[in-house]
Amino acid sequence: MTSIKHATINELDAITQLFEQYRLFYKKQADLQKATAFIKARLDNKDSVILFAEINKKAVGFVQLYPAFSSTAMQKMWILNDLFVSPDFRQLKVGKSLMNAATAYAINTHAHSLKLCTAVDNHQAQALYKQLGYDKITTFEHYTLML
Protein backbone atom coordinates (compact mmCIF):
# COMPACT_ATOMS: atom_id res chain seq x y z
CA MET A 1 0.00 0.00 0.00
CA THR A 2 1.24 3.47 -0.90
CA SER A 3 1.36 6.15 1.77
CA ILE A 4 2.12 9.80 1.06
CA LYS A 5 4.07 11.81 3.62
CA HIS A 6 5.61 15.26 3.99
CA ALA A 7 9.39 15.06 3.80
CA THR A 8 11.44 16.30 6.71
CA ILE A 9 15.18 16.41 7.29
CA ASN A 10 14.83 12.82 8.57
CA GLU A 11 14.15 11.68 4.99
CA LEU A 12 17.00 13.66 3.45
CA ASP A 13 18.93 10.63 2.18
CA ALA A 14 15.88 8.90 0.69
CA ILE A 15 14.58 12.05 -0.99
CA THR A 16 18.04 12.93 -2.31
CA GLN A 17 18.38 9.49 -3.92
CA LEU A 18 15.03 9.98 -5.69
CA PHE A 19 15.94 13.56 -6.64
CA GLU A 20 19.20 12.41 -8.18
CA GLN A 21 17.35 9.76 -10.22
CA TYR A 22 14.97 12.51 -11.37
CA ARG A 23 17.87 14.70 -12.48
CA LEU A 24 19.44 11.80 -14.36
CA PHE A 25 16.09 11.18 -16.11
CA TYR A 26 16.39 14.75 -17.43
CA LYS A 27 19.96 14.06 -18.65
CA LYS A 28 21.73 16.10 -15.98
CA GLN A 29 25.20 15.15 -14.81
CA ALA A 30 25.23 13.11 -11.59
CA ASP A 31 26.20 15.11 -8.51
CA LEU A 32 24.90 13.48 -5.35
CA GLN A 33 26.75 15.89 -3.06
CA LYS A 34 25.20 18.95 -4.72
CA ALA A 35 21.78 17.26 -4.86
CA THR A 36 21.98 16.55 -1.13
CA ALA A 37 22.87 20.17 -0.39
CA PHE A 38 20.02 21.39 -2.61
CA ILE A 39 17.36 19.21 -0.98
CA LYS A 40 18.72 19.94 2.50
CA ALA A 41 18.45 23.67 1.82
CA ARG A 42 14.84 23.30 0.63
CA LEU A 43 13.95 21.40 3.80
CA ASP A 44 15.92 23.67 6.15
CA ASN A 45 14.61 26.89 4.59
CA LYS A 46 11.09 25.53 4.15
CA ASP A 47 10.93 27.18 0.72
CA SER A 48 9.41 24.14 -0.96
CA VAL A 49 7.09 21.34 0.02
CA ILE A 50 8.22 17.82 -0.73
CA LEU A 51 5.69 15.01 -0.56
CA PHE A 52 6.96 11.48 -0.97
CA ALA A 53 5.41 8.09 -1.58
CA GLU A 54 6.39 5.17 0.57
CA ILE A 55 5.75 1.48 -0.06
CA ASN A 56 6.86 -1.02 2.57
CA LYS A 57 8.83 1.76 4.32
CA LYS A 58 10.78 2.53 1.12
CA ALA A 59 10.58 5.96 -0.54
CA VAL A 60 9.60 5.30 -4.16
CA GLY A 61 8.61 8.70 -5.51
CA PHE A 62 8.27 12.39 -4.73
CA VAL A 63 6.68 15.62 -5.81
CA GLN A 64 8.14 19.04 -5.03
CA LEU A 65 6.02 22.19 -4.86
CA TYR A 66 7.25 25.77 -4.84
CA PRO A 67 5.07 28.67 -3.67
CA ALA A 68 4.22 31.47 -6.07
CA PHE A 69 1.52 34.06 -6.56
CA SER A 70 -0.86 34.99 -9.34
CA SER A 71 -0.93 38.76 -9.70
CA THR A 72 -4.05 38.75 -11.84
CA ALA A 73 -5.95 36.47 -9.46
CA MET A 74 -4.25 38.08 -6.44
CA GLN A 75 -3.90 34.67 -4.82
CA LYS A 76 -1.31 32.07 -3.91
CA MET A 77 -0.52 29.30 -6.37
CA TRP A 78 1.88 26.38 -6.34
CA ILE A 79 4.40 25.40 -8.98
CA LEU A 80 4.63 21.63 -9.23
CA ASN A 81 8.24 21.61 -10.31
CA ASP A 82 9.26 18.00 -9.82
CA LEU A 83 7.47 14.66 -10.01
CA PHE A 84 9.40 11.42 -10.05
CA VAL A 85 8.58 7.77 -9.41
CA SER A 86 11.24 5.07 -9.37
CA PRO A 87 10.91 2.98 -12.56
CA ASP A 88 10.10 -0.24 -10.66
CA PHE A 89 7.01 1.39 -9.12
CA ARG A 90 5.53 3.25 -12.10
CA GLN A 91 2.73 0.77 -12.78
CA LEU A 92 1.37 1.05 -9.23
CA LYS A 93 -0.29 4.48 -9.65
CA VAL A 94 2.25 6.10 -7.35
CA GLY A 95 2.46 9.16 -9.61
CA LYS A 96 -1.30 9.56 -9.48
CA SER A 97 -1.25 9.29 -5.69
CA LEU A 98 1.47 11.95 -5.48
CA MET A 99 -0.42 14.24 -7.85
CA ASN A 100 -3.63 13.83 -5.85
CA ALA A 101 -1.73 14.62 -2.65
CA ALA A 102 -0.27 17.74 -4.27
CA THR A 103 -3.77 18.82 -5.32
CA ALA A 104 -5.11 18.26 -1.82
CA TYR A 105 -2.22 20.26 -0.37
CA ALA A 106 -2.89 23.14 -2.78
CA ILE A 107 -6.58 23.13 -1.89
CA ASN A 108 -5.83 23.01 1.85
CA THR A 109 -3.53 26.02 1.52
CA HIS A 110 -6.22 27.98 -0.37
CA ALA A 111 -4.23 28.18 -3.57
CA HIS A 112 -5.68 29.55 -6.77
CA SER A 113 -3.99 26.98 -8.98
CA LEU A 114 -1.37 24.30 -9.34
CA LYS A 115 0.90 24.74 -12.36
CA LEU A 116 3.44 22.45 -13.96
CA CYS A 117 5.41 21.89 -17.10
CA THR A 118 6.95 18.78 -18.55
CA ALA A 119 9.14 17.76 -21.44
CA VAL A 120 7.34 17.68 -24.77
CA ASP A 121 8.30 14.03 -25.22
CA ASN A 122 7.17 12.90 -21.75
CA HIS A 123 3.92 11.43 -23.05
CA GLN A 124 3.34 9.18 -20.03
CA ALA A 125 3.32 12.19 -17.68
CA GLN A 126 1.16 14.21 -20.08
CA ALA A 127 -1.43 11.44 -20.16
CA LEU A 128 -1.56 11.43 -16.34
CA TYR A 129 -1.97 15.21 -16.18
CA LYS A 130 -4.82 15.13 -18.70
CA GLN A 131 -6.47 12.28 -16.80
CA LEU A 132 -6.30 14.36 -13.61
CA GLY A 133 -7.99 17.36 -15.27
CA TYR A 134 -5.01 19.57 -16.05
CA ASP A 135 -5.49 21.87 -19.04
CA LYS A 136 -2.69 22.50 -21.51
CA ILE A 137 -2.34 26.27 -21.77
CA THR A 138 -1.50 27.44 -25.26
CA THR A 139 -2.45 31.13 -24.97
CA PHE A 140 0.93 32.17 -23.58
CA GLU A 141 4.47 31.83 -24.82
CA HIS A 142 6.96 31.06 -22.07
CA TYR A 143 10.51 32.40 -22.21
CA THR A 144 13.58 31.78 -20.09
CA LEU A 145 16.71 33.85 -19.68
CA MET A 146 19.55 31.59 -18.58
CA LEU A 147 21.90 33.47 -16.23
C-alpha atoms as a PDB file:
ATOM      1  CA  MET A   1       0.000   0.000   0.000  1.00  0.00           C
ATOM      2  CA  THR A   2       1.241   3.468  -0.899  1.00  0.00           C
ATOM      3  CA  SER A   3       1.362   6.146   1.770  1.00  0.00           C
ATOM      4  CA  ILE A   4       2.117   9.796   1.055  1.00  0.00           C
ATOM      5  CA  LYS A   5       4.074  11.810   3.616  1.00  0.00           C
ATOM      6  CA  HIS A   6       5.613  15.260   3.993  1.00  0.00           C
ATOM      7  CA  ALA A   7       9.391  15.057   3.798  1.00  0.00           C
ATOM      8  CA  THR A   8      11.443  16.301   6.710  1.00  0.00           C
ATOM      9  CA  ILE A   9      15.180  16.415   7.295  1.00  0.00           C
ATOM     10  CA  ASN A  10      14.828  12.820   8.573  1.00  0.00           C
ATOM     11  CA  GLU A  11      14.146  11.679   4.985  1.00  0.00           C
ATOM     12  CA  LEU A  12      17.004  13.664   3.446  1.00  0.00           C
ATOM     13  CA  ASP A  13      18.927  10.627   2.177  1.00  0.00           C
ATOM     14  CA  ALA A  14      15.884   8.895   0.695  1.00  0.00           C
ATOM     15  CA  ILE A  15      14.582  12.054  -0.992  1.00  0.00           C
ATOM     16  CA  THR A  16      18.036  12.928  -2.307  1.00  0.00           C
ATOM     17  CA  GLN A  17      18.381   9.492  -3.920  1.00  0.00           C
ATOM     18  CA  LEU A  18      15.032   9.985  -5.693  1.00  0.00           C
ATOM     19  CA  PHE A  19      15.938  13.561  -6.639  1.00  0.00           C
ATOM     20  CA  GLU A  20      19.204  12.413  -8.178  1.00  0.00           C
ATOM     21  CA  GLN A  21      17.350   9.760 -10.224  1.00  0.00           C
ATOM     22  CA  TYR A  22      14.966  12.508 -11.368  1.00  0.00           C
ATOM     23  CA  ARG A  23      17.873  14.699 -12.476  1.00  0.00           C
ATOM     24  CA  LEU A  24      19.436  11.803 -14.360  1.00  0.00           C
ATOM     25  CA  PHE A  25      16.090  11.181 -16.111  1.00  0.00           C
ATOM     26  CA  TYR A  26      16.388  14.749 -17.432  1.00  0.00           C
ATOM     27  CA  LYS A  27      19.960  14.057 -18.647  1.00  0.00           C
ATOM     28  CA  LYS A  28      21.731  16.104 -15.977  1.00  0.00           C
ATOM     29  CA  GLN A  29      25.202  15.152 -14.805  1.00  0.00           C
ATOM     30  CA  ALA A  30      25.234  13.112 -11.589  1.00  0.00           C
ATOM     31  CA  ASP A  31      26.198  15.109  -8.509  1.00  0.00           C
ATOM     32  CA  LEU A  32      24.896  13.480  -5.346  1.00  0.00           C
ATOM     33  CA  GLN A  33      26.751  15.892  -3.062  1.00  0.00           C
ATOM     34  CA  LYS A  34      25.199  18.948  -4.716  1.00  0.00           C
ATOM     35  CA  ALA A  35      21.782  17.258  -4.860  1.00  0.00           C
ATOM     36  CA  THR A  36      21.977  16.553  -1.129  1.00  0.00           C
ATOM     37  CA  ALA A  37      22.873  20.172  -0.394  1.00  0.00           C
ATOM     38  CA  PHE A  38      20.024  21.389  -2.606  1.00  0.00           C
ATOM     39  CA  ILE A  39      17.359  19.205  -0.979  1.00  0.00           C
ATOM     40  CA  LYS A  40      18.724  19.935   2.501  1.00  0.00           C
ATOM     41  CA  ALA A  41      18.446  23.674   1.816  1.00  0.00           C
ATOM     42  CA  ARG A  42      14.843  23.296   0.629  1.00  0.00           C
ATOM     43  CA  LEU A  43      13.947  21.399   3.800  1.00  0.00           C
ATOM     44  CA  ASP A  44      15.920  23.667   6.151  1.00  0.00           C
ATOM     45  CA  ASN A  45      14.610  26.888   4.588  1.00  0.00           C
ATOM     46  CA  LYS A  46      11.087  25.531   4.147  1.00  0.00           C
ATOM     47  CA  ASP A  47      10.932  27.175   0.719  1.00  0.00           C
ATOM     48  CA  SER A  48       9.414  24.143  -0.965  1.00  0.00           C
ATOM     49  CA  VAL A  49       7.087  21.341   0.020  1.00  0.00           C
ATOM     50  CA  ILE A  50       8.221  17.817  -0.733  1.00  0.00           C
ATOM     51  CA  LEU A  51       5.695  15.013  -0.559  1.00  0.00           C
ATOM     52  CA  PHE A  52       6.959  11.484  -0.970  1.00  0.00           C
ATOM     53  CA  ALA A  53       5.410   8.086  -1.583  1.00  0.00           C
ATOM     54  CA  GLU A  54       6.392   5.171   0.566  1.00  0.00           C
ATOM     55  CA  ILE A  55       5.749   1.483  -0.065  1.00  0.00           C
ATOM     56  CA  ASN A  56       6.860  -1.024   2.565  1.00  0.00           C
ATOM     57  CA  LYS A  57       8.834   1.760   4.325  1.00  0.00           C
ATOM     58  CA  LYS A  58      10.784   2.529   1.118  1.00  0.00           C
ATOM     59  CA  ALA A  59      10.576   5.959  -0.540  1.00  0.00           C
ATOM     60  CA  VAL A  60       9.599   5.298  -4.163  1.00  0.00           C
ATOM     61  CA  GLY A  61       8.610   8.704  -5.515  1.00  0.00           C
ATOM     62  CA  PHE A  62       8.272  12.387  -4.729  1.00  0.00           C
ATOM     63  CA  VAL A  63       6.678  15.616  -5.812  1.00  0.00           C
ATOM     64  CA  GLN A  64       8.136  19.043  -5.031  1.00  0.00           C
ATOM     65  CA  LEU A  65       6.016  22.187  -4.865  1.00  0.00           C
ATOM     66  CA  TYR A  66       7.253  25.771  -4.839  1.00  0.00           C
ATOM     67  CA  PRO A  67       5.066  28.665  -3.671  1.00  0.00           C
ATOM     68  CA  ALA A  68       4.222  31.470  -6.070  1.00  0.00           C
ATOM     69  CA  PHE A  69       1.521  34.063  -6.560  1.00  0.00           C
ATOM     70  CA  SER A  70      -0.862  34.992  -9.340  1.00  0.00           C
ATOM     71  CA  SER A  71      -0.929  38.764  -9.705  1.00  0.00           C
ATOM     72  CA  THR A  72      -4.053  38.749 -11.843  1.00  0.00           C
ATOM     73  CA  ALA A  73      -5.952  36.471  -9.459  1.00  0.00           C
ATOM     74  CA  MET A  74      -4.252  38.080  -6.444  1.00  0.00           C
ATOM     75  CA  GLN A  75      -3.898  34.673  -4.821  1.00  0.00           C
ATOM     76  CA  LYS A  76      -1.315  32.071  -3.914  1.00  0.00           C
ATOM     77  CA  MET A  77      -0.520  29.303  -6.366  1.00  0.00           C
ATOM     78  CA  TRP A  78       1.875  26.379  -6.343  1.00  0.00           C
ATOM     79  CA  ILE A  79       4.405  25.397  -8.978  1.00  0.00           C
ATOM     80  CA  LEU A  80       4.631  21.629  -9.226  1.00  0.00           C
ATOM     81  CA  ASN A  81       8.237  21.611 -10.313  1.00  0.00           C
ATOM     82  CA  ASP A  82       9.262  17.995  -9.815  1.00  0.00           C
ATOM     83  CA  LEU A  83       7.469  14.657 -10.012  1.00  0.00           C
ATOM     84  CA  PHE A  84       9.396  11.416 -10.046  1.00  0.00           C
ATOM     85  CA  VAL A  85       8.579   7.769  -9.411  1.00  0.00           C
ATOM     86  CA  SER A  86      11.243   5.067  -9.372  1.00  0.00           C
ATOM     87  CA  PRO A  87      10.907   2.982 -12.560  1.00  0.00           C
ATOM     88  CA  ASP A  88      10.100  -0.239 -10.660  1.00  0.00           C
ATOM     89  CA  PHE A  89       7.006   1.392  -9.124  1.00  0.00           C
ATOM     90  CA  ARG A  90       5.534   3.248 -12.105  1.00  0.00           C
ATOM     91  CA  GLN A  91       2.734   0.768 -12.782  1.00  0.00           C
ATOM     92  CA  LEU A  92       1.370   1.049  -9.227  1.00  0.00           C
ATOM     93  CA  LYS A  93      -0.292   4.480  -9.654  1.00  0.00           C
ATOM     94  CA  VAL A  94       2.254   6.098  -7.353  1.00  0.00           C
ATOM     95  CA  GLY A  95       2.464   9.156  -9.614  1.00  0.00           C
ATOM     96  CA  LYS A  96      -1.295   9.556  -9.484  1.00  0.00           C
ATOM     97  CA  SER A  97      -1.247   9.288  -5.690  1.00  0.00           C
ATOM     98  CA  LEU A  98       1.471  11.955  -5.481  1.00  0.00           C
ATOM     99  CA  MET A  99      -0.417  14.244  -7.850  1.00  0.00           C
ATOM    100  CA  ASN A 100      -3.626  13.826  -5.848  1.00  0.00           C
ATOM    101  CA  ALA A 101      -1.734  14.624  -2.645  1.00  0.00           C
ATOM    102  CA  ALA A 102      -0.273  17.743  -4.270  1.00  0.00           C
ATOM    103  CA  THR A 103      -3.767  18.823  -5.320  1.00  0.00           C
ATOM    104  CA  ALA A 104      -5.111  18.255  -1.816  1.00  0.00           C
ATOM    105  CA  TYR A 105      -2.216  20.262  -0.371  1.00  0.00           C
ATOM    106  CA  ALA A 106      -2.888  23.142  -2.776  1.00  0.00           C
ATOM    107  CA  ILE A 107      -6.583  23.129  -1.886  1.00  0.00           C
ATOM    108  CA  ASN A 108      -5.833  23.005   1.852  1.00  0.00           C
ATOM    109  CA  THR A 109      -3.527  26.023   1.523  1.00  0.00           C
ATOM    110  CA  HIS A 110      -6.217  27.976  -0.366  1.00  0.00           C
ATOM    111  CA  ALA A 111      -4.229  28.180  -3.570  1.00  0.00           C
ATOM    112  CA  HIS A 112      -5.678  29.554  -6.774  1.00  0.00           C
ATOM    113  CA  SER A 113      -3.987  26.980  -8.978  1.00  0.00           C
ATOM    114  CA  LEU A 114      -1.368  24.299  -9.336  1.00  0.00           C
ATOM    115  CA  LYS A 115       0.898  24.738 -12.364  1.00  0.00           C
ATOM    116  CA  LEU A 116       3.442  22.455 -13.956  1.00  0.00           C
ATOM    117  CA  CYS A 117       5.414  21.890 -17.095  1.00  0.00           C
ATOM    118  CA  THR A 118       6.952  18.775 -18.547  1.00  0.00           C
ATOM    119  CA  ALA A 119       9.144  17.760 -21.440  1.00  0.00           C
ATOM    120  CA  VAL A 120       7.340  17.682 -24.770  1.00  0.00           C
ATOM    121  CA  ASP A 121       8.299  14.027 -25.220  1.00  0.00           C
ATOM    122  CA  ASN A 122       7.170  12.896 -21.746  1.00  0.00           C
ATOM    123  CA  HIS A 123       3.916  11.428 -23.047  1.00  0.00           C
ATOM    124  CA  GLN A 124       3.341   9.185 -20.026  1.00  0.00           C
ATOM    125  CA  ALA A 125       3.316  12.188 -17.676  1.00  0.00           C
ATOM    126  CA  GLN A 126       1.164  14.211 -20.083  1.00  0.00           C
ATOM    127  CA  ALA A 127      -1.432  11.438 -20.156  1.00  0.00           C
ATOM    128  CA  LEU A 128      -1.561  11.434 -16.345  1.00  0.00           C
ATOM    129  CA  TYR A 129      -1.972  15.214 -16.182  1.00  0.00           C
ATOM    130  CA  LYS A 130      -4.818  15.128 -18.698  1.00  0.00           C
ATOM    131  CA  GLN A 131      -6.469  12.276 -16.796  1.00  0.00           C
ATOM    132  CA  LEU A 132      -6.300  14.364 -13.614  1.00  0.00           C
ATOM    133  CA  GLY A 133      -7.993  17.357 -15.269  1.00  0.00           C
ATOM    134  CA  TYR A 134      -5.008  19.571 -16.049  1.00  0.00           C
ATOM    135  CA  ASP A 135      -5.492  21.869 -19.036  1.00  0.00           C
ATOM    136  CA  LYS A 136      -2.693  22.498 -21.509  1.00  0.00           C
ATOM    137  CA  ILE A 137      -2.342  26.272 -21.766  1.00  0.00           C
ATOM    138  CA  THR A 138      -1.501  27.444 -25.260  1.00  0.00           C
ATOM    139  CA  THR A 139      -2.446  31.132 -24.967  1.00  0.00           C
ATOM    140  CA  PHE A 140       0.935  32.167 -23.579  1.00  0.00           C
ATOM    141  CA  GLU A 141       4.471  31.834 -24.824  1.00  0.00           C
ATOM    142  CA  HIS A 142       6.961  31.056 -22.067  1.00  0.00           C
ATOM    143  CA  TYR A 143      10.506  32.398 -22.212  1.00  0.00           C
ATOM    144  CA  THR A 144      13.582  31.783 -20.094  1.00  0.00           C
ATOM    145  CA  LEU A 145      16.711  33.851 -19.681  1.00  0.00           C
ATOM    146  CA  MET A 146      19.555  31.592 -18.580  1.00  0.00           C
ATOM    147  CA  LEU A 147      21.903  33.465 -16.234  1.00  0.00           C
END
